[in-house]
C-alpha atoms as a PDB file:
ATOM      1  CA  MET A   1      30.581   0.703   6.630  1.00  0.00           C
ATOM      2  CA  GLN A   2      29.634   2.725  10.072  1.00  0.00           C
ATOM      3  CA  PRO A   3      28.022   0.710  12.731  1.00  0.00           C
ATOM      4  CA  ILE A   4      24.800   2.718  12.497  1.00  0.00           C
ATOM      5  CA  ASP A   5      24.753   2.133   8.852  1.00  0.00           C
ATOM      6  CA  GLN A   6      24.972  -1.318   9.556  1.00  0.00           C
ATOM      7  CA  LYS A   7      22.027  -1.254  12.021  1.00  0.00           C
ATOM      8  CA  ILE A   8      19.855   0.675   9.624  1.00  0.00           C
ATOM      9  CA  LEU A   9      20.760  -1.768   6.815  1.00  0.00           C
ATOM     10  CA  SER A  10      19.654  -4.651   8.778  1.00  0.00           C
ATOM     11  CA  ARG A  11      16.340  -3.144   9.766  1.00  0.00           C
ATOM     12  CA  ILE A  12      15.956  -2.763   5.684  1.00  0.00           C
ATOM     13  CA  TYR A  13      17.002  -6.395   5.017  1.00  0.00           C
ATOM     14  CA  GLY A  14      14.613  -7.454   7.522  1.00  0.00           C
ATOM     15  CA  ARG A  15      11.717  -5.893   5.784  1.00  0.00           C
ATOM     16  CA  GLY A  16      12.547  -7.687   2.656  1.00  0.00           C
ATOM     17  CA  ARG A  17      12.865  -6.497  -1.070  1.00  0.00           C
ATOM     18  CA  GLY A  18      10.359  -4.203  -2.317  1.00  0.00           C
ATOM     19  CA  TRP A  19       9.932  -2.473   1.203  1.00  0.00           C
ATOM     20  CA  ALA A  20       9.678   1.536   0.759  1.00  0.00           C
ATOM     21  CA  PHE A  21      10.611   3.741   3.633  1.00  0.00           C
ATOM     22  CA  THR A  22      11.562   7.308   4.730  1.00  0.00           C
ATOM     23  CA  LYS A  23      13.684   8.701   7.621  1.00  0.00           C
ATOM     24  CA  ILE A  24      10.633   8.596  10.000  1.00  0.00           C
ATOM     25  CA  ASP A  25      11.016   4.650   9.929  1.00  0.00           C
ATOM     26  CA  PHE A  26      14.108   4.972  11.993  1.00  0.00           C
ATOM     27  CA  VAL A  27      13.731   8.053  14.024  1.00  0.00           C
ATOM     28  CA  ALA A  28      12.653   5.998  17.193  1.00  0.00           C
ATOM     29  CA  GLU A  29      16.198   4.353  17.284  1.00  0.00           C
ATOM     30  CA  PHE A  30      18.542   6.776  15.612  1.00  0.00           C
ATOM     31  CA  GLY A  31      19.525  10.349  15.319  1.00  0.00           C
ATOM     32  CA  GLU A  32      17.987  12.255  12.205  1.00  0.00           C
ATOM     33  CA  VAL A  33      21.705  13.335  10.950  1.00  0.00           C
ATOM     34  CA  ASN A  34      22.811   9.797  11.433  1.00  0.00           C
ATOM     35  CA  ILE A  35      19.875   8.532   9.381  1.00  0.00           C
ATOM     36  CA  HIS A  36      20.459  10.943   6.742  1.00  0.00           C
ATOM     37  CA  GLN A  37      24.040  10.224   6.154  1.00  0.00           C
ATOM     38  CA  ALA A  38      23.217   6.453   6.253  1.00  0.00           C
ATOM     39  CA  LEU A  39      20.600   6.614   3.830  1.00  0.00           C
ATOM     40  CA  SER A  40      22.673   8.812   1.666  1.00  0.00           C
ATOM     41  CA  SER A  41      25.633   6.420   1.623  1.00  0.00           C
ATOM     42  CA  LEU A  42      23.488   3.358   0.992  1.00  0.00           C
ATOM     43  CA  ALA A  43      21.916   4.939  -1.833  1.00  0.00           C
ATOM     44  CA  ARG A  44      25.248   5.953  -3.293  1.00  0.00           C
ATOM     45  CA  ALA A  45      26.291   2.395  -2.826  1.00  0.00           C
ATOM     46  CA  GLY A  46      23.397   1.133  -4.735  1.00  0.00           C
ATOM     47  CA  THR A  47      21.951  -0.929  -1.997  1.00  0.00           C
ATOM     48  CA  ILE A  48      18.832   1.308  -1.685  1.00  0.00           C
ATOM     49  CA  ARG A  49      17.374   3.667  -4.220  1.00  0.00           C
ATOM     50  CA  ARG A  50      15.966   6.926  -4.202  1.00  0.00           C
ATOM     51  CA  VAL A  51      12.367   6.589  -5.236  1.00  0.00           C
ATOM     52  CA  CYS A  52      11.112  10.240  -4.816  1.00  0.00           C
ATOM     53  CA  HIS A  53      12.105  13.219  -2.311  1.00  0.00           C
ATOM     54  CA  GLY A  54      12.573  11.508   0.882  1.00  0.00           C
ATOM     55  CA  VAL A  55      11.403   8.135  -0.041  1.00  0.00           C
ATOM     56  CA  TYR A  56      13.889   5.202  -0.580  1.00  0.00           C
ATOM     57  CA  ASP A  57      13.413   1.495  -1.411  1.00  0.00           C
ATOM     58  CA  TYR A  58      15.262  -1.818  -1.284  1.00  0.00           C
ATOM     59  CA  PRO A  59      14.475  -2.763  -4.822  1.00  0.00           C
ATOM     60  CA  ARG A  60      12.926  -6.053  -5.966  1.00  0.00           C
ATOM     61  CA  TYR A  61      15.248  -7.808  -8.312  1.00  0.00           C
ATOM     62  CA  SER A  62      14.474  -9.879 -11.548  1.00  0.00           C
ATOM     63  CA  GLU A  63      16.941 -12.710 -12.143  1.00  0.00           C
ATOM     64  CA  LEU A  64      15.121 -13.160 -15.673  1.00  0.00           C
ATOM     65  CA  LEU A  65      15.746  -9.530 -16.561  1.00  0.00           C
ATOM     66  CA  GLY A  66      18.821  -9.209 -14.615  1.00  0.00           C
ATOM     67  CA  GLN A  67      17.886  -5.772 -13.319  1.00  0.00           C
ATOM     68  CA  ALA A  68      15.986  -4.065 -10.484  1.00  0.00           C
ATOM     69  CA  LEU A  69      12.146  -3.879 -10.742  1.00  0.00           C
ATOM     70  CA  SER A  70      10.060  -0.657 -10.729  1.00  0.00           C
ATOM     71  CA  PRO A  71       9.204   0.560  -7.195  1.00  0.00           C
ATOM     72  CA  ASP A  72       6.210  -1.038  -5.441  1.00  0.00           C
ATOM     73  CA  ILE A  73       3.738   1.916  -5.798  1.00  0.00           C
ATOM     74  CA  ASP A  74       1.469   0.587  -2.801  1.00  0.00           C
ATOM     75  CA  GLN A  75       4.726   0.273  -0.536  1.00  0.00           C
ATOM     76  CA  VAL A  76       5.742   3.908  -1.435  1.00  0.00           C
ATOM     77  CA  ALA A  77       2.008   5.138  -0.823  1.00  0.00           C
ATOM     78  CA  GLN A  78       2.237   3.412   2.643  1.00  0.00           C
ATOM     79  CA  ALA A  79       5.757   4.993   3.312  1.00  0.00           C
ATOM     80  CA  LEU A  80       4.662   8.609   2.712  1.00  0.00           C
ATOM     81  CA  ALA A  81       1.306   8.043   4.851  1.00  0.00           C
ATOM     82  CA  ARG A  82       3.667   6.854   7.519  1.00  0.00           C
ATOM     83  CA  LYS A  83       5.887   9.894   7.046  1.00  0.00           C
ATOM     84  CA  PHE A  84       3.017  12.375   7.210  1.00  0.00           C
ATOM     85  CA  ASN A  85       0.891  10.518   9.587  1.00  0.00           C
ATOM     86  CA  TRP A  86      -2.128  10.287   6.926  1.00  0.00           C
ATOM     87  CA  ARG A  87      -4.621   7.272   6.952  1.00  0.00           C
ATOM     88  CA  ILE A  88      -4.977   6.227   3.385  1.00  0.00           C
ATOM     89  CA  GLN A  89      -6.799   3.570   1.303  1.00  0.00           C
ATOM     90  CA  PRO A  90      -6.431   2.678  -2.336  1.00  0.00           C
ATOM     91  CA  SER A  91      -9.189   3.626  -4.662  1.00  0.00           C
ATOM     92  CA  GLY A  92     -10.589   2.595  -7.989  1.00  0.00           C
ATOM     93  CA  ASP A  93      -7.909   0.647 -10.432  1.00  0.00           C
ATOM     94  CA  ALA A  94      -5.332   0.654  -7.475  1.00  0.00           C
ATOM     95  CA  ALA A  95      -7.537  -1.483  -5.234  1.00  0.00           C
ATOM     96  CA  LEU A  96      -8.744  -3.656  -8.079  1.00  0.00           C
ATOM     97  CA  ASN A  97      -4.916  -4.295  -8.893  1.00  0.00           C
ATOM     98  CA  LEU A  98      -4.057  -4.916  -5.186  1.00  0.00           C
ATOM     99  CA  LEU A  99      -6.886  -7.406  -4.768  1.00  0.00           C
ATOM    100  CA  GLY A 100      -5.880  -9.521  -7.800  1.00  0.00           C
ATOM    101  CA  LEU A 101      -9.243  -8.273  -9.592  1.00  0.00           C
ATOM    102  CA  SER A 102      -7.361  -6.695 -12.518  1.00  0.00           C
ATOM    103  CA  THR A 103      -4.190  -7.632 -14.013  1.00  0.00           C
ATOM    104  CA  GLN A 104      -3.723  -4.075 -15.534  1.00  0.00           C
ATOM    105  CA  VAL A 105      -1.061  -2.240 -13.726  1.00  0.00           C
ATOM    106  CA  PRO A 106      -2.687   1.268 -13.466  1.00  0.00           C
ATOM    107  CA  GLY A 107      -0.620   4.270 -14.654  1.00  0.00           C
ATOM    108  CA  ARG A 108      -2.263   6.279 -12.181  1.00  0.00           C
ATOM    109  CA  TRP A 109      -2.581   5.050  -8.447  1.00  0.00           C
ATOM    110  CA  VAL A 110      -5.042   7.017  -6.471  1.00  0.00           C
ATOM    111  CA  TYR A 111      -5.463   6.795  -2.825  1.00  0.00           C
ATOM    112  CA  LEU A 112      -7.924   8.390  -0.569  1.00  0.00           C
ATOM    113  CA  SER A 113      -6.502  10.328   2.429  1.00  0.00           C
ATOM    114  CA  ASP A 114      -7.320  12.506   5.278  1.00  0.00           C
ATOM    115  CA  GLY A 115      -4.245  14.495   4.416  1.00  0.00           C
ATOM    116  CA  PRO A 116      -4.001  17.133   1.856  1.00  0.00           C
ATOM    117  CA  SER A 117      -4.403  16.275  -1.768  1.00  0.00           C
ATOM    118  CA  ARG A 118      -0.982  15.716  -3.200  1.00  0.00           C
ATOM    119  CA  GLN A 119       0.818  14.146  -6.410  1.00  0.00           C
ATOM    120  CA  TYR A 120       3.998  12.452  -7.001  1.00  0.00           C
ATOM    121  CA  GLU A 121       5.790  10.945 -10.056  1.00  0.00           C
ATOM    122  CA  ILE A 122       7.416   7.500  -9.428  1.00  0.00           C
ATOM    123  CA  GLY A 123       9.094   6.409 -12.554  1.00  0.00           C
ATOM    124  CA  LYS A 124       6.388   5.908 -15.092  1.00  0.00           C
ATOM    125  CA  HIS A 125       3.742   6.100 -12.639  1.00  0.00           C
ATOM    126  CA  THR A 126       1.568   8.726 -10.926  1.00  0.00           C
ATOM    127  CA  LEU A 127       0.930   8.457  -7.345  1.00  0.00           C
ATOM    128  CA  ALA A 128      -2.015  10.593  -6.296  1.00  0.00           C
ATOM    129  CA  PHE A 129      -3.424  11.148  -2.811  1.00  0.00           C
ATOM    130  CA  ARG A 130      -6.979  12.698  -2.674  1.00  0.00           C
ATOM    131  CA  LYS A 131      -8.220  14.486   0.320  1.00  0.00           C
ATOM    132  CA  SER A 132     -11.482  12.583   1.343  1.00  0.00           C
ATOM    133  CA  ALA A 133     -13.801  12.593   4.280  1.00  0.00           C
ATOM    134  CA  LEU A 134     -12.591  10.681   7.154  1.00  0.00           C
ATOM    135  CA  LYS A 135     -15.832   8.315   7.016  1.00  0.00           C
ATOM    136  CA  ASP A 136     -14.320   6.934   3.718  1.00  0.00           C
ATOM    137  CA  ALA A 137     -10.815   6.355   5.035  1.00  0.00           C
ATOM    138  CA  GLY A 138     -11.783   5.681   8.627  1.00  0.00           C
ATOM    139  CA  PHE A 139     -11.628   1.698   8.400  1.00  0.00           C
ATOM    140  CA  LYS A 140      -9.781  -0.023  11.145  1.00  0.00           C
ATOM    141  CA  TYR A 141      -8.048  -2.671   8.794  1.00  0.00           C
ATOM    142  CA  ARG A 142      -6.354  -1.954   5.555  1.00  0.00           C
ATOM    143  CA  GLU A 143      -7.948  -5.134   3.979  1.00  0.00           C
ATOM    144  CA  SER A 144     -11.411  -3.585   4.806  1.00  0.00           C
ATOM    145  CA  ALA A 145     -10.705  -0.481   2.827  1.00  0.00           C
ATOM    146  CA  LEU A 146      -9.442  -2.517   0.021  1.00  0.00           C
ATOM    147  CA  VAL A 147     -12.426  -4.599  -0.525  1.00  0.00           C
ATOM    148  CA  VAL A 148     -14.953  -1.760  -0.221  1.00  0.00           C
ATOM    149  CA  GLN A 149     -13.027   0.443  -2.718  1.00  0.00           C
ATOM    150  CA  ALA A 150     -12.542  -2.455  -5.032  1.00  0.00           C
ATOM    151  CA  LEU A 151     -16.197  -3.361  -5.077  1.00  0.00           C
ATOM    152  CA  ARG A 152     -17.199   0.196  -5.458  1.00  0.00           C
ATOM    153  CA  ALA A 153     -14.648   0.488  -8.355  1.00  0.00           C
ATOM    154  CA  LEU A 154     -16.169  -2.392 -10.070  1.00  0.00           C
ATOM    155  CA  GLY A 155     -19.948  -1.553  -9.588  1.00  0.00           C
ATOM    156  CA  LYS A 156     -22.663  -3.814  -8.190  1.00  0.00           C
ATOM    157  CA  GLU A 157     -23.450  -5.012 -11.844  1.00  0.00           C
ATOM    158  CA  HIS A 158     -20.158  -6.347 -12.417  1.00  0.00           C
ATOM    159  CA  VAL A 159     -19.798  -8.523  -9.443  1.00  0.00           C
ATOM    160  CA  ASP A 160     -20.217 -12.067  -9.876  1.00  0.00           C
ATOM    161  CA  ALA A 161     -19.547 -15.665  -8.529  1.00  0.00           C
ATOM    162  CA  ALA A 162     -16.038 -15.411  -9.838  1.00  0.00           C
ATOM    163  CA  VAL A 163     -15.280 -12.018  -8.322  1.00  0.00           C
ATOM    164  CA  ILE A 164     -16.605 -13.223  -5.044  1.00  0.00           C
ATOM    165  CA  LYS A 165     -14.597 -16.384  -5.191  1.00  0.00           C
ATOM    166  CA  SER A 166     -11.439 -14.480  -6.130  1.00  0.00           C
ATOM    167  CA  ILE A 167     -11.694 -11.932  -3.213  1.00  0.00           C
ATOM    168  CA  ARG A 168     -12.520 -14.936  -0.778  1.00  0.00           C
ATOM    169  CA  GLN A 169      -9.227 -16.556  -1.998  1.00  0.00           C
ATOM    170  CA  GLN A 170      -7.457 -13.419  -1.374  1.00  0.00           C
ATOM    171  CA  LEU A 171      -8.560 -12.684   2.134  1.00  0.00           C
ATOM    172  CA  GLY A 172      -8.790 -16.053   3.946  1.00  0.00           C
ATOM    173  CA  PRO A 173     -11.082 -16.679   7.084  1.00  0.00           C
ATOM    174  CA  THR A 174      -9.033 -14.696   9.484  1.00  0.00           C
ATOM    175  CA  HIS A 175      -9.206 -11.309   7.578  1.00  0.00           C
ATOM    176  CA  CYS A 176     -12.897 -12.259   6.633  1.00  0.00           C
ATOM    177  CA  ALA A 177     -14.155 -12.240  10.454  1.00  0.00           C
ATOM    178  CA  ARG A 178     -12.423  -8.662  10.914  1.00  0.00           C
ATOM    179  CA  ILE A 179     -13.595  -7.175   7.789  1.00  0.00           C
ATOM    180  CA  LEU A 180     -17.340  -8.256   8.434  1.00  0.00           C
ATOM    181  CA  LYS A 181     -17.239  -6.350  11.681  1.00  0.00           C
ATOM    182  CA  ASP A 182     -15.352  -3.378  10.336  1.00  0.00           C
ATOM    183  CA  THR A 183     -17.320  -2.766   7.208  1.00  0.00           C
ATOM    184  CA  ARG A 184     -20.894  -2.511   8.876  1.00  0.00           C
ATOM    185  CA  ALA A 185     -21.298   1.025   8.050  1.00  0.00           C
ATOM    186  CA  ALA A 186     -20.435   0.364   4.305  1.00  0.00           C
ATOM    187  CA  THR A 187     -22.980   1.062   1.613  1.00  0.00           C
ATOM    188  CA  GLY A 188     -25.868  -1.591   1.403  1.00  0.00           C
ATOM    189  CA  TRP A 189     -24.982  -3.441  -1.441  1.00  0.00           C
ATOM    190  CA  ILE A 190     -21.350  -3.447  -0.862  1.00  0.00           C
ATOM    191  CA  TYR A 191     -21.834  -4.796   2.809  1.00  0.00           C
ATOM    192  CA  GLN A 192     -24.145  -7.771   1.205  1.00  0.00           C
ATOM    193  CA  ILE A 193     -21.517  -8.677  -1.255  1.00  0.00           C
ATOM    194  CA  ILE A 194     -18.853  -8.665   1.741  1.00  0.00           C
ATOM    195  CA  LYS A 195     -21.208 -11.032   3.700  1.00  0.00           C
ATOM    196  CA  GLN A 196     -21.373 -13.199   0.554  1.00  0.00           C
ATOM    197  CA  VAL A 197     -17.481 -13.288   0.317  1.00  0.00           C
ATOM    198  CA  CYS A 198     -17.228 -14.224   3.967  1.00  0.00           C
ATOM    199  CA  GLY A 199     -19.958 -16.860   3.971  1.00  0.00           C
ATOM    200  CA  ALA A 200     -21.935 -14.809   6.489  1.00  0.00           C
ATOM    201  CA  PRO A 201     -25.726 -15.479   6.690  1.00  0.00           C
ATOM    202  CA  ASP A 202     -27.973 -12.768   5.414  1.00  0.00           C
END
């Protein structure tokens, strides 16, 4: 293995299984030709996997099944966002799944984006980016967007004590403080629920 291949591989190992990436994630340190050659040879060796055009992952592996698991769609979405310098946030079923409020794995993962509307086929799943007004994709923290979109997908009438408790457990106190500040411009009822999640006084 070439020394540059080894260095790129150590960066990938450092991120852990499930991480998805493109050449953009390495250009600060290595030349494009070297990156392309390294990723191609690592993919041929089966160490990494080509997920779609220009996107690879370091596959998660199931000992139980004795095989690599499907790509982590959220990781792929983030890799594409870094590649194209988009700001994104998961929407609808994707947000509910990522927050643990739904055990259904969506067949179609939709992300709001300040980039163009695009669609990718990732295995059996569709990853869609939908161009959206920046105010909807403009939260500072990823967790803020996740909570707002999940609550919006659920609808006010479906938010009960169990949902509030579940979101609180997912976030923890550090995230709560940041999210309270970050989501002040969110729709009224959504912000009221975020205050309940984070134990803030009315």
